[in-house]
Amino acid sequence: MAKSEAAPEPAEGEEGEEGAKKKLPMMMIIIAAVVAVVLIGGGVTAFLVLSGGNKAEASKSEKPKKEAKKEGEKGKDKGPNPITQGPDGVAYYALPDLVSNIQSADGRPQLLKLKIALEFPDENAAEDVTPAIPRLVDMLQGFMRELRPEDMAGSQGEFEIRMEILRRVNLVIAPTQAKAVLIEEMLIT
């Protein structure tokens, strides 16, 4: 009986090894499949994100180039033309948007955003302003920092600000003179 007992033991061991061998490759196949799916999914996602961003950027960059060419043909410079024609031969020069901190009575920070256009009697006078834009922006930033929300209250406050800006602009761009200051947007936050 010892021989018969010895014989079944190796058979059980062989079956145990065969069972472990069958389970190990199956487990490796599942792990490999999961890793492959994750890598392929990540690759496809990265491709779509990167290629989609380039298409969006390309379409955005193509439109401004076409518009810049059209505007460059109208104006003398190649960039976007800040000068637009108005009725009766007047020209409007759109200044860059201005954002500045302003003083408040309670000390909390407040911002003022101004979008201004200057009115000139003709396009030649408006073109003379272009070299003075850095000085104009600097002067207007200093002026805006000294304003308080109370200074801009009501139509009287807006009128006074408009007249003060016109006075300061005409000092900077002299001998050229602007006819009026147009406040396109005034936002206090």
N, C-alpha and C. Protein backbone atom coordinates (compact mmCIF):
# COMPACT_ATOMS: atom_id res chain seq x y z
N MET A 1 0.79 -1.18 0.00
CA MET A 1 0.00 0.00 0.00
C MET A 1 0.84 1.25 0.00
N ALA A 2 2.00 1.09 0.40
CA ALA A 2 2.86 2.24 0.41
C ALA A 2 3.12 2.73 -1.00
N LYS A 3 3.21 1.74 -1.93
CA LYS A 3 3.42 2.14 -3.32
C LYS A 3 2.19 2.81 -3.88
N SER A 4 1.03 2.29 -3.51
CA SER A 4 -0.18 2.90 -4.03
C SER A 4 -0.40 4.29 -3.43
N GLU A 5 -0.01 4.47 -2.22
CA GLU A 5 -0.14 5.80 -1.62
C GLU A 5 0.86 6.77 -2.23
N ALA A 6 2.02 6.27 -2.56
CA ALA A 6 3.04 7.14 -3.13
C ALA A 6 2.67 7.56 -4.54
N ALA A 7 2.01 6.69 -5.25
CA ALA A 7 1.67 7.01 -6.62
C ALA A 7 0.65 8.15 -6.72
N PRO A 8 -0.42 8.12 -5.90
CA PRO A 8 -1.36 9.22 -6.03
C PRO A 8 -0.78 10.57 -5.63
N GLU A 9 0.16 10.62 -4.75
CA GLU A 9 0.73 11.91 -4.33
C GLU A 9 1.39 12.66 -5.48
N PRO A 10 2.23 12.01 -6.27
CA PRO A 10 2.79 12.76 -7.38
C PRO A 10 1.72 13.19 -8.36
N ALA A 11 0.70 12.39 -8.50
CA ALA A 11 -0.37 12.75 -9.42
C ALA A 11 -1.08 14.00 -8.94
N GLU A 12 -1.32 14.09 -7.63
CA GLU A 12 -1.95 15.30 -7.10
C GLU A 12 -1.03 16.50 -7.27
N GLY A 13 0.26 16.31 -7.05
CA GLY A 13 1.21 17.41 -7.20
C GLY A 13 1.28 17.87 -8.64
N GLU A 14 1.20 16.91 -9.54
CA GLU A 14 1.24 17.27 -10.95
C GLU A 14 -0.01 18.06 -11.33
N GLU A 15 -1.16 17.63 -10.81
CA GLU A 15 -2.38 18.37 -11.10
C GLU A 15 -2.33 19.76 -10.47
N GLY A 16 -1.75 19.87 -9.29
CA GLY A 16 -1.62 21.16 -8.62
C GLY A 16 -0.72 22.09 -9.42
N GLU A 17 0.36 21.55 -9.95
CA GLU A 17 1.26 22.36 -10.76
C GLU A 17 0.61 22.75 -12.06
N GLU A 18 -0.14 21.82 -12.65
CA GLU A 18 -0.82 22.13 -13.90
C GLU A 18 -1.91 23.19 -13.66
N GLY A 19 -2.63 23.12 -12.54
CA GLY A 19 -3.65 24.11 -12.19
C GLY A 19 -3.03 25.48 -11.98
N ALA A 20 -1.89 25.52 -11.31
CA ALA A 20 -1.19 26.78 -11.08
C ALA A 20 -0.67 27.33 -12.40
N LYS A 21 -0.20 26.43 -13.27
CA LYS A 21 0.30 26.86 -14.57
C LYS A 21 -0.84 27.43 -15.41
N LYS A 22 -2.02 26.84 -15.33
CA LYS A 22 -3.16 27.32 -16.10
C LYS A 22 -3.65 28.66 -15.55
N LYS A 23 -3.66 28.85 -14.23
CA LYS A 23 -4.12 30.09 -13.61
C LYS A 23 -3.14 31.22 -13.87
N LEU A 24 -1.87 30.98 -13.82
CA LEU A 24 -0.86 32.02 -14.00
C LEU A 24 -0.93 32.65 -15.39
N PRO A 25 -0.96 31.87 -16.46
CA PRO A 25 -1.06 32.50 -17.77
C PRO A 25 -2.38 33.25 -17.94
N MET A 26 -3.47 32.75 -17.41
CA MET A 26 -4.75 33.42 -17.54
C MET A 26 -4.71 34.77 -16.82
N MET A 27 -4.09 34.80 -15.62
CA MET A 27 -3.96 36.04 -14.87
C MET A 27 -3.07 37.03 -15.62
N MET A 28 -2.00 36.58 -16.21
CA MET A 28 -1.10 37.45 -16.96
C MET A 28 -1.79 38.01 -18.20
N ILE A 29 -2.62 37.20 -18.84
CA ILE A 29 -3.35 37.66 -20.02
C ILE A 29 -4.33 38.77 -19.63
N ILE A 30 -5.02 38.61 -18.53
CA ILE A 30 -5.98 39.63 -18.07
C ILE A 30 -5.24 40.92 -17.73
N ILE A 31 -4.14 40.83 -17.00
CA ILE A 31 -3.36 42.02 -16.62
C ILE A 31 -2.83 42.70 -17.88
N ALA A 32 -2.31 41.94 -18.83
CA ALA A 32 -1.79 42.51 -20.06
C ALA A 32 -2.89 43.20 -20.85
N ALA A 33 -4.08 42.62 -20.88
CA ALA A 33 -5.20 43.21 -21.60
C ALA A 33 -5.62 44.53 -20.95
N VAL A 34 -5.67 44.57 -19.64
CA VAL A 34 -6.04 45.80 -18.93
C VAL A 34 -5.01 46.89 -19.19
N VAL A 35 -3.72 46.54 -19.11
CA VAL A 35 -2.66 47.52 -19.36
C VAL A 35 -2.74 48.02 -20.80
N ALA A 36 -2.99 47.13 -21.75
CA ALA A 36 -3.10 47.53 -23.15
C ALA A 36 -4.27 48.49 -23.36
N VAL A 37 -5.42 48.19 -22.75
CA VAL A 37 -6.59 49.06 -22.90
C VAL A 37 -6.30 50.43 -22.31
N VAL A 38 -5.65 50.48 -21.15
CA VAL A 38 -5.33 51.76 -20.52
C VAL A 38 -4.36 52.56 -21.39
N LEU A 39 -3.32 51.92 -21.90
CA LEU A 39 -2.35 52.61 -22.74
C LEU A 39 -2.97 53.10 -24.04
N ILE A 40 -3.77 52.26 -24.67
CA ILE A 40 -4.41 52.68 -25.93
C ILE A 40 -5.39 53.82 -25.66
N GLY A 41 -6.18 53.70 -24.60
CA GLY A 41 -7.12 54.77 -24.25
C GLY A 41 -6.41 56.08 -23.96
N GLY A 42 -5.31 55.99 -23.22
CA GLY A 42 -4.54 57.20 -22.91
C GLY A 42 -3.93 57.80 -24.16
N GLY A 43 -3.43 56.95 -25.04
CA GLY A 43 -2.85 57.44 -26.29
C GLY A 43 -3.87 58.12 -27.18
N VAL A 44 -5.04 57.52 -27.29
CA VAL A 44 -6.10 58.11 -28.11
C VAL A 44 -6.56 59.43 -27.49
N THR A 45 -6.72 59.46 -26.19
CA THR A 45 -7.13 60.70 -25.51
C THR A 45 -6.10 61.80 -25.72
N ALA A 46 -4.83 61.48 -25.53
CA ALA A 46 -3.76 62.47 -25.72
C ALA A 46 -3.75 62.97 -27.17
N PHE A 47 -3.94 62.06 -28.12
CA PHE A 47 -3.95 62.45 -29.52
C PHE A 47 -5.10 63.41 -29.81
N LEU A 48 -6.28 63.07 -29.32
CA LEU A 48 -7.44 63.92 -29.57
C LEU A 48 -7.30 65.29 -28.92
N VAL A 49 -6.78 65.31 -27.71
CA VAL A 49 -6.62 66.59 -27.01
C VAL A 49 -5.58 67.45 -27.72
N LEU A 50 -4.46 66.86 -28.05
CA LEU A 50 -3.40 67.63 -28.69
C LEU A 50 -3.75 68.03 -30.11
N SER A 51 -4.34 67.15 -30.87
CA SER A 51 -4.69 67.50 -32.25
C SER A 51 -5.88 68.44 -32.29
N GLY A 52 -6.82 68.28 -31.37
CA GLY A 52 -7.97 69.18 -31.32
C GLY A 52 -7.56 70.58 -30.94
N GLY A 53 -6.61 70.73 -30.03
CA GLY A 53 -6.11 72.05 -29.63
C GLY A 53 -5.42 72.74 -30.78
N ASN A 54 -4.66 72.00 -31.57
CA ASN A 54 -3.96 72.60 -32.70
C ASN A 54 -4.94 73.07 -33.75
N LYS A 55 -6.02 72.30 -34.00
CA LYS A 55 -7.00 72.72 -34.98
C LYS A 55 -7.70 73.98 -34.52
N ALA A 56 -8.03 74.04 -33.23
CA ALA A 56 -8.70 75.24 -32.71
C ALA A 56 -7.77 76.44 -32.80
N GLU A 57 -6.51 76.24 -32.44
CA GLU A 57 -5.55 77.34 -32.52
C GLU A 57 -5.33 77.74 -33.96
N ALA A 58 -5.27 76.76 -34.86
CA ALA A 58 -5.05 77.06 -36.27
C ALA A 58 -6.22 77.85 -36.83
N SER A 59 -7.44 77.46 -36.49
CA SER A 59 -8.59 78.19 -37.01
C SER A 59 -8.66 79.59 -36.41
N LYS A 60 -8.29 79.72 -35.14
CA LYS A 60 -8.27 81.04 -34.53
C LYS A 60 -7.20 81.91 -35.16
N SER A 61 -6.03 81.35 -35.43
CA SER A 61 -4.94 82.15 -35.98
C SER A 61 -5.20 82.50 -37.44
N GLU A 62 -5.97 81.69 -38.18
CA GLU A 62 -6.25 82.01 -39.56
C GLU A 62 -7.21 83.18 -39.67
N LYS A 63 -8.22 83.24 -38.83
CA LYS A 63 -9.20 84.31 -38.91
C LYS A 63 -8.59 85.68 -38.63
N PRO A 64 -7.81 85.85 -37.54
CA PRO A 64 -7.23 87.17 -37.32
C PRO A 64 -6.28 87.59 -38.44
N LYS A 65 -5.58 86.63 -39.05
CA LYS A 65 -4.68 87.00 -40.14
C LYS A 65 -5.47 87.58 -41.29
N LYS A 66 -6.61 86.96 -41.63
CA LYS A 66 -7.43 87.47 -42.71
C LYS A 66 -7.99 88.83 -42.35
N GLU A 67 -8.48 88.97 -41.11
CA GLU A 67 -9.03 90.25 -40.68
C GLU A 67 -7.95 91.31 -40.61
N ALA A 68 -6.76 90.93 -40.16
CA ALA A 68 -5.67 91.90 -40.07
C ALA A 68 -5.29 92.39 -41.46
N LYS A 69 -5.33 91.51 -42.45
CA LYS A 69 -5.02 91.94 -43.81
C LYS A 69 -6.05 92.93 -44.29
N LYS A 70 -7.33 92.66 -44.02
CA LYS A 70 -8.38 93.58 -44.44
C LYS A 70 -8.22 94.92 -43.75
N GLU A 71 -7.98 94.88 -42.43
CA GLU A 71 -7.83 96.13 -41.69
C GLU A 71 -6.54 96.84 -42.06
N GLY A 72 -5.51 96.06 -42.34
CA GLY A 72 -4.23 96.66 -42.75
C GLY A 72 -4.36 97.36 -44.09
N GLU A 73 -5.23 96.86 -44.96
CA GLU A 73 -5.44 97.50 -46.23
C GLU A 73 -6.15 98.83 -46.04
N LYS A 74 -7.05 98.91 -45.07
CA LYS A 74 -7.77 100.15 -44.82
C LYS A 74 -6.85 101.19 -44.18
N GLY A 75 -6.06 100.74 -43.18
CA GLY A 75 -5.18 101.64 -42.47
C GLY A 75 -3.78 101.56 -43.04
N LYS A 76 -2.89 102.33 -42.47
CA LYS A 76 -1.52 102.35 -42.97
C LYS A 76 -0.66 101.30 -42.30
N ASP A 77 -1.03 100.82 -41.10
CA ASP A 77 -0.22 99.82 -40.42
C ASP A 77 -0.76 98.43 -40.72
N LYS A 78 0.03 97.40 -40.46
CA LYS A 78 -0.35 96.02 -40.77
C LYS A 78 -1.20 95.39 -39.68
N GLY A 79 -1.18 95.89 -38.45
CA GLY A 79 -1.94 95.32 -37.34
C GLY A 79 -3.38 95.78 -37.37
N PRO A 80 -4.13 95.45 -36.32
CA PRO A 80 -5.51 95.91 -36.27
C PRO A 80 -5.56 97.43 -36.20
N ASN A 81 -6.42 98.00 -36.97
CA ASN A 81 -6.49 99.45 -37.10
C ASN A 81 -7.42 100.03 -36.04
N PRO A 82 -6.89 100.84 -35.11
CA PRO A 82 -7.75 101.42 -34.07
C PRO A 82 -8.53 102.63 -34.57
N ILE A 83 -8.31 103.03 -35.81
CA ILE A 83 -8.98 104.22 -36.35
C ILE A 83 -10.17 103.78 -37.18
N THR A 84 -11.33 104.34 -36.87
CA THR A 84 -12.53 104.08 -37.65
C THR A 84 -13.11 105.40 -38.12
N GLN A 85 -13.76 105.38 -39.26
CA GLN A 85 -14.37 106.58 -39.83
C GLN A 85 -15.77 106.76 -39.27
N GLY A 86 -16.10 107.99 -38.98
CA GLY A 86 -17.43 108.32 -38.51
C GLY A 86 -18.13 109.20 -39.53
N PRO A 87 -19.30 109.71 -39.19
CA PRO A 87 -20.02 110.58 -40.12
C PRO A 87 -19.33 111.94 -40.25
N ASP A 88 -19.54 112.58 -41.35
CA ASP A 88 -19.03 113.94 -41.61
C ASP A 88 -17.51 114.01 -41.54
N GLY A 89 -16.82 112.92 -41.88
CA GLY A 89 -15.36 112.94 -41.97
C GLY A 89 -14.63 112.82 -40.64
N VAL A 90 -15.31 112.70 -39.51
CA VAL A 90 -14.60 112.55 -38.25
C VAL A 90 -14.00 111.15 -38.16
N ALA A 91 -12.96 111.02 -37.35
CA ALA A 91 -12.30 109.73 -37.15
C ALA A 91 -12.26 109.45 -35.66
N TYR A 92 -12.42 108.18 -35.31
CA TYR A 92 -12.38 107.75 -33.92
C TYR A 92 -11.16 106.86 -33.72
N TYR A 93 -10.41 107.16 -32.67
CA TYR A 93 -9.22 106.37 -32.33
C TYR A 93 -9.55 105.61 -31.04
N ALA A 94 -9.60 104.28 -31.11
CA ALA A 94 -9.92 103.46 -29.95
C ALA A 94 -8.65 103.19 -29.16
N LEU A 95 -8.61 103.66 -27.93
CA LEU A 95 -7.47 103.40 -27.06
C LEU A 95 -7.57 101.98 -26.51
N PRO A 96 -6.45 101.40 -26.10
CA PRO A 96 -6.52 100.07 -25.47
C PRO A 96 -7.34 100.15 -24.18
N ASP A 97 -7.95 99.02 -23.81
CA ASP A 97 -8.71 98.98 -22.56
C ASP A 97 -7.80 99.31 -21.39
N LEU A 98 -8.30 100.11 -20.47
CA LEU A 98 -7.53 100.54 -19.31
C LEU A 98 -8.16 99.94 -18.05
N VAL A 99 -7.35 99.30 -17.23
CA VAL A 99 -7.81 98.73 -15.96
C VAL A 99 -6.87 99.22 -14.87
N SER A 100 -7.44 99.74 -13.79
CA SER A 100 -6.62 100.28 -12.71
C SER A 100 -7.32 100.12 -11.38
N ASN A 101 -6.52 100.05 -10.31
CA ASN A 101 -7.06 100.10 -8.96
C ASN A 101 -7.52 101.53 -8.69
N ILE A 102 -8.59 101.67 -7.93
CA ILE A 102 -9.03 103.01 -7.54
C ILE A 102 -9.15 103.05 -6.03
N GLN A 103 -9.17 104.27 -5.49
CA GLN A 103 -9.27 104.46 -4.05
C GLN A 103 -10.71 104.25 -3.61
N SER A 104 -10.88 103.60 -2.47
CA SER A 104 -12.22 103.48 -1.91
C SER A 104 -12.19 103.98 -0.48
N ALA A 105 -13.34 104.47 0.00
CA ALA A 105 -13.41 105.06 1.33
C ALA A 105 -13.14 104.03 2.42
N ASP A 106 -13.58 102.80 2.23
CA ASP A 106 -13.41 101.80 3.27
C ASP A 106 -12.10 101.00 3.14
N GLY A 107 -11.30 101.30 2.16
CA GLY A 107 -9.99 100.66 2.02
C GLY A 107 -10.00 99.33 1.28
N ARG A 108 -11.16 98.84 0.89
CA ARG A 108 -11.17 97.58 0.15
C ARG A 108 -10.79 97.85 -1.31
N PRO A 109 -10.14 96.90 -1.94
CA PRO A 109 -9.70 97.13 -3.32
C PRO A 109 -10.87 97.17 -4.30
N GLN A 110 -10.80 98.12 -5.22
CA GLN A 110 -11.79 98.24 -6.29
C GLN A 110 -11.04 98.48 -7.59
N LEU A 111 -11.61 98.00 -8.68
CA LEU A 111 -11.03 98.16 -10.00
C LEU A 111 -11.94 99.02 -10.87
N LEU A 112 -11.31 99.77 -11.74
CA LEU A 112 -12.03 100.57 -12.72
C LEU A 112 -11.53 100.15 -14.10
N LYS A 113 -12.46 99.81 -14.97
CA LYS A 113 -12.12 99.47 -16.35
C LYS A 113 -12.74 100.52 -17.24
N LEU A 114 -11.92 101.13 -18.09
CA LEU A 114 -12.39 102.13 -19.03
C LEU A 114 -12.04 101.71 -20.45
N LYS A 115 -13.01 101.88 -21.32
CA LYS A 115 -12.78 101.69 -22.75
C LYS A 115 -13.12 103.02 -23.38
N ILE A 116 -12.11 103.67 -23.97
CA ILE A 116 -12.24 105.05 -24.43
C ILE A 116 -11.93 105.14 -25.92
N ALA A 117 -12.65 105.99 -26.61
CA ALA A 117 -12.34 106.35 -27.99
C ALA A 117 -12.19 107.87 -28.05
N LEU A 118 -11.24 108.33 -28.82
CA LEU A 118 -11.02 109.76 -29.00
C LEU A 118 -11.56 110.17 -30.36
N GLU A 119 -12.22 111.31 -30.42
CA GLU A 119 -12.78 111.82 -31.68
C GLU A 119 -11.86 112.90 -32.23
N PHE A 120 -11.51 112.76 -33.53
CA PHE A 120 -10.64 113.72 -34.21
C PHE A 120 -11.36 114.27 -35.44
N PRO A 121 -10.98 115.46 -35.88
CA PRO A 121 -11.66 116.06 -37.04
C PRO A 121 -11.43 115.29 -38.34
N ASP A 122 -10.29 114.61 -38.48
CA ASP A 122 -10.02 113.82 -39.68
C ASP A 122 -9.08 112.66 -39.37
N GLU A 123 -8.89 111.79 -40.34
CA GLU A 123 -8.09 110.60 -40.13
C GLU A 123 -6.61 110.93 -39.93
N ASN A 124 -6.11 111.98 -40.58
CA ASN A 124 -4.70 112.36 -40.43
C ASN A 124 -4.38 112.75 -38.99
N ALA A 125 -5.29 113.47 -38.36
CA ALA A 125 -5.08 113.87 -36.96
C ALA A 125 -5.09 112.64 -36.06
N ALA A 126 -5.96 111.67 -36.36
CA ALA A 126 -6.02 110.45 -35.56
C ALA A 126 -4.74 109.64 -35.73
N GLU A 127 -4.17 109.60 -36.92
CA GLU A 127 -2.93 108.86 -37.15
C GLU A 127 -1.76 109.47 -36.39
N ASP A 128 -1.79 110.77 -36.15
CA ASP A 128 -0.70 111.44 -35.41
C ASP A 128 -0.63 110.99 -33.96
N VAL A 129 -1.70 110.39 -33.44
CA VAL A 129 -1.76 109.98 -32.04
C VAL A 129 -0.99 108.68 -31.78
N THR A 130 -0.86 107.83 -32.78
CA THR A 130 -0.27 106.50 -32.60
C THR A 130 1.07 106.52 -31.86
N PRO A 131 2.01 107.38 -32.18
CA PRO A 131 3.28 107.36 -31.44
C PRO A 131 3.14 107.77 -29.96
N ALA A 132 2.09 108.47 -29.61
CA ALA A 132 1.91 108.96 -28.24
C ALA A 132 1.10 108.00 -27.37
N ILE A 133 0.71 106.85 -27.88
CA ILE A 133 -0.14 105.93 -27.12
C ILE A 133 0.50 105.50 -25.80
N PRO A 134 1.78 105.12 -25.75
CA PRO A 134 2.35 104.74 -24.45
C PRO A 134 2.26 105.87 -23.41
N ARG A 135 2.50 107.09 -23.83
CA ARG A 135 2.39 108.23 -22.91
C ARG A 135 0.94 108.44 -22.48
N LEU A 136 0.01 108.29 -23.41
CA LEU A 136 -1.41 108.46 -23.07
C LEU A 136 -1.86 107.41 -22.05
N VAL A 137 -1.48 106.16 -22.29
CA VAL A 137 -1.88 105.08 -21.38
C VAL A 137 -1.29 105.32 -19.99
N ASP A 138 -0.03 105.72 -19.92
CA ASP A 138 0.61 106.00 -18.64
C ASP A 138 -0.09 107.15 -17.91
N MET A 139 -0.40 108.21 -18.63
CA MET A 139 -1.07 109.36 -18.02
C MET A 139 -2.46 108.97 -17.53
N LEU A 140 -3.20 108.19 -18.32
CA LEU A 140 -4.55 107.80 -17.93
C LEU A 140 -4.53 106.83 -16.75
N GLN A 141 -3.53 105.97 -16.68
CA GLN A 141 -3.42 105.05 -15.53
C GLN A 141 -3.22 105.85 -14.24
N GLY A 142 -2.35 106.83 -14.28
CA GLY A 142 -2.13 107.67 -13.09
C GLY A 142 -3.40 108.42 -12.69
N PHE A 143 -4.11 108.95 -13.67
CA PHE A 143 -5.36 109.67 -13.41
C PHE A 143 -6.40 108.73 -12.80
N MET A 144 -6.52 107.53 -13.35
CA MET A 144 -7.52 106.58 -12.87
C MET A 144 -7.24 106.14 -11.43
N ARG A 145 -5.97 106.01 -11.06
CA ARG A 145 -5.64 105.59 -9.70
C ARG A 145 -6.09 106.60 -8.65
N GLU A 146 -6.20 107.84 -9.02
CA GLU A 146 -6.60 108.89 -8.08
C GLU A 146 -8.11 109.05 -7.98
N LEU A 147 -8.85 108.38 -8.84
CA LEU A 147 -10.31 108.50 -8.80
C LEU A 147 -10.90 107.71 -7.64
N ARG A 148 -12.06 108.16 -7.19
CA ARG A 148 -12.84 107.47 -6.16
C ARG A 148 -14.20 107.13 -6.77
N PRO A 149 -14.87 106.13 -6.23
CA PRO A 149 -16.20 105.79 -6.79
C PRO A 149 -17.17 106.98 -6.74
N GLU A 150 -17.04 107.84 -5.76
CA GLU A 150 -17.93 109.00 -5.67
C GLU A 150 -17.71 109.97 -6.83
N ASP A 151 -16.48 110.02 -7.37
CA ASP A 151 -16.18 110.92 -8.48
C ASP A 151 -16.94 110.53 -9.74
N MET A 152 -17.33 109.27 -9.84
CA MET A 152 -17.97 108.78 -11.06
C MET A 152 -19.47 108.63 -10.91
N ALA A 153 -20.02 109.11 -9.82
CA ALA A 153 -21.46 108.95 -9.56
C ALA A 153 -22.26 109.91 -10.43
N GLY A 154 -23.25 109.39 -11.13
CA GLY A 154 -24.17 110.21 -11.90
C GLY A 154 -23.59 110.74 -13.20
N SER A 155 -24.45 111.46 -13.92
CA SER A 155 -24.04 112.01 -15.21
C SER A 155 -23.05 113.16 -15.04
N GLN A 156 -23.16 113.90 -13.96
CA GLN A 156 -22.22 115.00 -13.70
C GLN A 156 -20.82 114.45 -13.48
N GLY A 157 -20.71 113.37 -12.72
CA GLY A 157 -19.40 112.76 -12.49
C GLY A 157 -18.79 112.23 -13.77
N GLU A 158 -19.59 111.59 -14.60
CA GLU A 158 -19.09 111.09 -15.88
C GLU A 158 -18.65 112.23 -16.78
N PHE A 159 -19.43 113.32 -16.81
CA PHE A 159 -19.07 114.47 -17.63
C PHE A 159 -17.75 115.08 -17.17
N GLU A 160 -17.56 115.22 -15.86
CA GLU A 160 -16.31 115.79 -15.35
C GLU A 160 -15.11 114.91 -15.67
N ILE A 161 -15.29 113.60 -15.57
CA ILE A 161 -14.20 112.68 -15.91
C ILE A 161 -13.87 112.79 -17.40
N ARG A 162 -14.91 112.86 -18.22
CA ARG A 162 -14.71 112.98 -19.67
C ARG A 162 -13.93 114.26 -20.01
N MET A 163 -14.28 115.37 -19.38
CA MET A 163 -13.60 116.63 -19.65
C MET A 163 -12.15 116.63 -19.14
N GLU A 164 -11.93 116.01 -17.98
CA GLU A 164 -10.57 115.93 -17.45
C GLU A 164 -9.69 115.04 -18.33
N ILE A 165 -10.24 113.94 -18.80
CA ILE A 165 -9.47 113.07 -19.71
C ILE A 165 -9.17 113.81 -21.01
N LEU A 166 -10.13 114.55 -21.55
CA LEU A 166 -9.90 115.31 -22.78
C LEU A 166 -8.80 116.34 -22.58
N ARG A 167 -8.83 117.04 -21.46
CA ARG A 167 -7.80 118.05 -21.17
C ARG A 167 -6.42 117.39 -21.12
N ARG A 168 -6.32 116.27 -20.41
CA ARG A 168 -5.02 115.59 -20.27
C ARG A 168 -4.55 114.99 -21.59
N VAL A 169 -5.46 114.42 -22.36
CA VAL A 169 -5.10 113.86 -23.66
C VAL A 169 -4.57 114.94 -24.58
N ASN A 170 -5.22 116.09 -24.63
CA ASN A 170 -4.78 117.17 -25.50
C ASN A 170 -3.43 117.73 -25.08
N LEU A 171 -3.12 117.68 -23.79
CA LEU A 171 -1.79 118.09 -23.35
C LEU A 171 -0.71 117.12 -23.85
N VAL A 172 -1.02 115.84 -23.85
CA VAL A 172 -0.04 114.84 -24.27
C VAL A 172 0.16 114.84 -25.78
N ILE A 173 -0.89 114.99 -26.55
CA ILE A 173 -0.78 114.87 -28.00
C ILE A 173 -0.59 116.21 -28.71
N ALA A 174 -0.40 117.29 -27.98
CA ALA A 174 -0.24 118.61 -28.58
C ALA A 174 0.86 118.56 -29.64
N PRO A 175 0.71 119.22 -30.74
CA PRO A 175 -0.26 120.23 -31.18
C PRO A 175 -1.56 119.65 -31.74
N THR A 176 -1.63 118.34 -31.95
CA THR A 176 -2.89 117.74 -32.40
C THR A 176 -3.91 117.84 -31.26
N GLN A 177 -5.15 118.06 -31.60
CA GLN A 177 -6.19 118.20 -30.59
C GLN A 177 -7.35 117.25 -30.85
N ALA A 178 -7.78 116.54 -29.82
CA ALA A 178 -8.96 115.69 -29.91
C ALA A 178 -10.18 116.56 -29.68
N LYS A 179 -11.27 116.25 -30.39
CA LYS A 179 -12.51 117.01 -30.24
C LYS A 179 -13.33 116.55 -29.05
N ALA A 180 -13.30 115.23 -28.78
CA ALA A 180 -14.14 114.69 -27.70
C ALA A 180 -13.57 113.36 -27.22
N VAL A 181 -13.97 113.00 -26.00
CA VAL A 181 -13.66 111.69 -25.43
C VAL A 181 -14.96 110.93 -25.34
N LEU A 182 -14.98 109.74 -25.89
CA LEU A 182 -16.17 108.90 -25.86
C LEU A 182 -15.89 107.73 -24.92
N ILE A 183 -16.67 107.61 -23.87
CA ILE A 183 -16.51 106.49 -22.94
C ILE A 183 -17.40 105.36 -23.42
N GLU A 184 -16.78 104.35 -23.99
CA GLU A 184 -17.54 103.21 -24.52
C GLU A 184 -17.94 102.26 -23.41
N GLU A 185 -17.09 102.15 -22.38
CA GLU A 185 -17.40 101.24 -21.28
C GLU A 185 -16.72 101.78 -20.03
N MET A 186 -17.46 101.80 -18.93
CA MET A 186 -16.90 102.16 -17.62
C MET A 186 -17.46 101.15 -16.61
N LEU A 187 -16.57 100.37 -16.04
CA LEU A 187 -16.99 99.31 -15.14
C LEU A 187 -16.22 99.45 -13.83
N ILE A 188 -16.94 99.50 -12.72
CA ILE A 188 -16.33 99.57 -11.39
C ILE A 188 -16.67 98.29 -10.67
N THR A 189 -15.63 97.57 -10.20
CA THR A 189 -15.87 96.34 -9.46
C THR A 189 -15.28 96.42 -8.09
